[in-house]
Amino acid sequence: MSSSTATSAAEATGARTDEAASLIGDARTRIDALDDRIIGLVQERMAVSSVIQEARMTSGGRRVNLSREMEILARYRDALGKPGTSLAMTLLELCRGRV
């Protein structure tokens, strides 16, 4: 790696060594791929949630099932701690809109 390339890689990653810059660059590539997968899964979850809401409303029920949402909140909290609750709330809002 040339000196200017190493410098720019270090600057881009905040690393102080070429080795750290390379590691960070590789890890960021993996994070970007994971984020793409997560976004795809959230979009899939939104589509499935829409099917559920439509079936519930068509049958005369309410759009939202609060007891089910409480189960989801608890599941995320148990798995991820307090921030998991915020994540679950965001997912629920994306999937059903604000209540």
C-alpha atoms as a PDB file:
ATOM      1  CA  MET A   1       0.000   0.000   0.000  1.00  0.00           C
ATOM      2  CA  SER A   2       1.426   3.404  -0.915  1.00  0.00           C
ATOM      3  CA  SER A   3       1.963   6.059   1.716  1.00  0.00           C
ATOM      4  CA  SER A   4      -0.865   8.256   0.397  1.00  0.00           C
ATOM      5  CA  THR A   5      -3.241   5.274   0.252  1.00  0.00           C
ATOM      6  CA  ALA A   6      -2.321   4.259   3.793  1.00  0.00           C
ATOM      7  CA  THR A   7      -2.804   7.817   4.991  1.00  0.00           C
ATOM      8  CA  SER A   8      -6.208   8.142   3.356  1.00  0.00           C
ATOM      9  CA  ALA A   9      -7.304   4.728   4.667  1.00  0.00           C
ATOM     10  CA  ALA A  10      -6.173   5.676   8.159  1.00  0.00           C
ATOM     11  CA  GLU A  11      -7.933   9.033   7.896  1.00  0.00           C
ATOM     12  CA  ALA A  12     -11.134   7.403   6.636  1.00  0.00           C
ATOM     13  CA  THR A  13     -11.224   4.899   9.487  1.00  0.00           C
ATOM     14  CA  GLY A  14      -9.691   6.917  12.298  1.00  0.00           C
ATOM     15  CA  ALA A  15      -7.046   4.218  12.677  1.00  0.00           C
ATOM     16  CA  ARG A  16      -3.435   4.946  13.488  1.00  0.00           C
ATOM     17  CA  THR A  17      -1.883   1.975  11.700  1.00  0.00           C
ATOM     18  CA  ASP A  18      -2.319   0.365   8.293  1.00  0.00           C
ATOM     19  CA  GLU A  19      -3.209  -2.918   9.971  1.00  0.00           C
ATOM     20  CA  ALA A  20      -5.984  -1.313  12.022  1.00  0.00           C
ATOM     21  CA  ALA A  21      -7.253   0.609   8.978  1.00  0.00           C
ATOM     22  CA  SER A  22      -7.471  -2.618   7.003  1.00  0.00           C
ATOM     23  CA  LEU A  23      -9.280  -4.425   9.823  1.00  0.00           C
ATOM     24  CA  ILE A  24     -11.730  -1.553  10.238  1.00  0.00           C
ATOM     25  CA  GLY A  25     -12.350  -1.340   6.487  1.00  0.00           C
ATOM     26  CA  ASP A  26     -13.095  -5.066   6.304  1.00  0.00           C
ATOM     27  CA  ALA A  27     -15.359  -4.901   9.351  1.00  0.00           C
ATOM     28  CA  ARG A  28     -17.242  -1.934   7.911  1.00  0.00           C
ATOM     29  CA  THR A  29     -17.830  -3.865   4.702  1.00  0.00           C
ATOM     30  CA  ARG A  30     -19.307  -6.696   6.764  1.00  0.00           C
ATOM     31  CA  ILE A  31     -21.479  -4.246   8.750  1.00  0.00           C
ATOM     32  CA  ASP A  32     -22.778  -2.748   5.500  1.00  0.00           C
ATOM     33  CA  ALA A  33     -23.741  -6.237   4.296  1.00  0.00           C
ATOM     34  CA  LEU A  34     -25.443  -6.983   7.618  1.00  0.00           C
ATOM     35  CA  ASP A  35     -27.323  -3.685   7.457  1.00  0.00           C
ATOM     36  CA  ASP A  36     -28.553  -4.567   3.970  1.00  0.00           C
ATOM     37  CA  ARG A  37     -29.857  -7.882   5.311  1.00  0.00           C
ATOM     38  CA  ILE A  38     -31.475  -6.212   8.330  1.00  0.00           C
ATOM     39  CA  ILE A  39     -33.216  -3.659   6.105  1.00  0.00           C
ATOM     40  CA  GLY A  40     -34.499  -6.471   3.895  1.00  0.00           C
ATOM     41  CA  LEU A  41     -35.801  -8.360   6.912  1.00  0.00           C
ATOM     42  CA  VAL A  42     -37.544  -5.261   8.267  1.00  0.00           C
ATOM     43  CA  GLN A  43     -39.197  -4.729   4.878  1.00  0.00           C
ATOM     44  CA  GLU A  44     -40.304  -8.375   4.885  1.00  0.00           C
ATOM     45  CA  ARG A  45     -41.633  -7.976   8.437  1.00  0.00           C
ATOM     46  CA  MET A  46     -43.590  -4.894   7.341  1.00  0.00           C
ATOM     47  CA  ALA A  47     -45.196  -6.848   4.492  1.00  0.00           C
ATOM     48  CA  VAL A  48     -46.174  -9.754   6.765  1.00  0.00           C
ATOM     49  CA  SER A  49     -47.546  -7.343   9.354  1.00  0.00           C
ATOM     50  CA  SER A  50     -49.669  -5.695   6.671  1.00  0.00           C
ATOM     51  CA  VAL A  51     -51.196  -9.076   5.777  1.00  0.00           C
ATOM     52  CA  ILE A  52     -52.000  -9.714   9.442  1.00  0.00           C
ATOM     53  CA  GLN A  53     -53.564  -6.270   9.925  1.00  0.00           C
ATOM     54  CA  GLU A  54     -55.666  -6.617   6.798  1.00  0.00           C
ATOM     55  CA  ALA A  55     -56.939 -10.056   7.848  1.00  0.00           C
ATOM     56  CA  ARG A  56     -57.724  -8.803  11.339  1.00  0.00           C
ATOM     57  CA  MET A  57     -59.642  -5.746  10.105  1.00  0.00           C
ATOM     58  CA  THR A  58     -61.459  -7.684   7.364  1.00  0.00           C
ATOM     59  CA  SER A  59     -62.726 -10.077  10.018  1.00  0.00           C
ATOM     60  CA  GLY A  60     -64.045  -7.164  12.083  1.00  0.00           C
ATOM     61  CA  GLY A  61     -61.116  -6.925  14.473  1.00  0.00           C
ATOM     62  CA  ARG A  62     -58.900  -4.029  15.389  1.00  0.00           C
ATOM     63  CA  ARG A  63     -55.816  -3.120  13.363  1.00  0.00           C
ATOM     64  CA  VAL A  64     -53.533  -3.468  16.409  1.00  0.00           C
ATOM     65  CA  ASN A  65     -53.367  -6.255  18.998  1.00  0.00           C
ATOM     66  CA  LEU A  66     -51.837  -4.620  22.074  1.00  0.00           C
ATOM     67  CA  SER A  67     -51.260  -7.863  23.981  1.00  0.00           C
ATOM     68  CA  ARG A  68     -49.228  -9.196  21.042  1.00  0.00           C
ATOM     69  CA  GLU A  69     -47.234  -5.968  20.915  1.00  0.00           C
ATOM     70  CA  MET A  70     -46.446  -6.312  24.630  1.00  0.00           C
ATOM     71  CA  GLU A  71     -45.114  -9.826  23.932  1.00  0.00           C
ATOM     72  CA  ILE A  72     -42.866  -8.434  21.204  1.00  0.00           C
ATOM     73  CA  LEU A  73     -41.588  -5.645  23.462  1.00  0.00           C
ATOM     74  CA  ALA A  74     -40.769  -8.149  26.208  1.00  0.00           C
ATOM     75  CA  ARG A  75     -39.017 -10.472  23.750  1.00  0.00           C
ATOM     76  CA  TYR A  76     -36.726  -7.720  22.496  1.00  0.00           C
ATOM     77  CA  ARG A  77     -36.111  -6.372  26.013  1.00  0.00           C
ATOM     78  CA  ASP A  78     -35.211  -9.833  27.289  1.00  0.00           C
ATOM     79  CA  ALA A  79     -32.836 -10.453  24.395  1.00  0.00           C
ATOM     80  CA  LEU A  80     -31.233  -6.998  24.110  1.00  0.00           C
ATOM     81  CA  GLY A  81     -31.883  -5.168  27.355  1.00  0.00           C
ATOM     82  CA  LYS A  82     -33.505  -1.754  27.635  1.00  0.00           C
ATOM     83  CA  PRO A  83     -32.375  -0.607  24.157  1.00  0.00           C
ATOM     84  CA  GLY A  84     -34.186  -3.656  22.778  1.00  0.00           C
ATOM     85  CA  THR A  85     -37.464  -2.099  23.870  1.00  0.00           C
ATOM     86  CA  SER A  86     -36.715   1.017  21.818  1.00  0.00           C
ATOM     87  CA  LEU A  87     -35.779  -1.129  18.838  1.00  0.00           C
ATOM     88  CA  ALA A  88     -39.018  -3.110  19.151  1.00  0.00           C
ATOM     89  CA  MET A  89     -41.048   0.108  19.405  1.00  0.00           C
ATOM     90  CA  THR A  90     -39.424   1.360  16.217  1.00  0.00           C
ATOM     91  CA  LEU A  91     -40.180  -1.921  14.431  1.00  0.00           C
ATOM     92  CA  LEU A  92     -43.772  -1.865  15.611  1.00  0.00           C
ATOM     93  CA  GLU A  93     -44.179   1.716  14.436  1.00  0.00           C
ATOM     94  CA  LEU A  94     -42.727   0.849  11.038  1.00  0.00           C
ATOM     95  CA  CYS A  95     -44.995  -2.180  10.725  1.00  0.00           C
ATOM     96  CA  ARG A  96     -48.279  -0.704  11.926  1.00  0.00           C
ATOM     97  CA  GLY A  97     -47.801   3.042  12.047  1.00  0.00           C
ATOM     98  CA  ARG A  98     -48.321   5.233  15.085  1.00  0.00           C
ATOM     99  CA  VAL A  99     -51.205   4.274  17.357  1.00  0.00           C
END
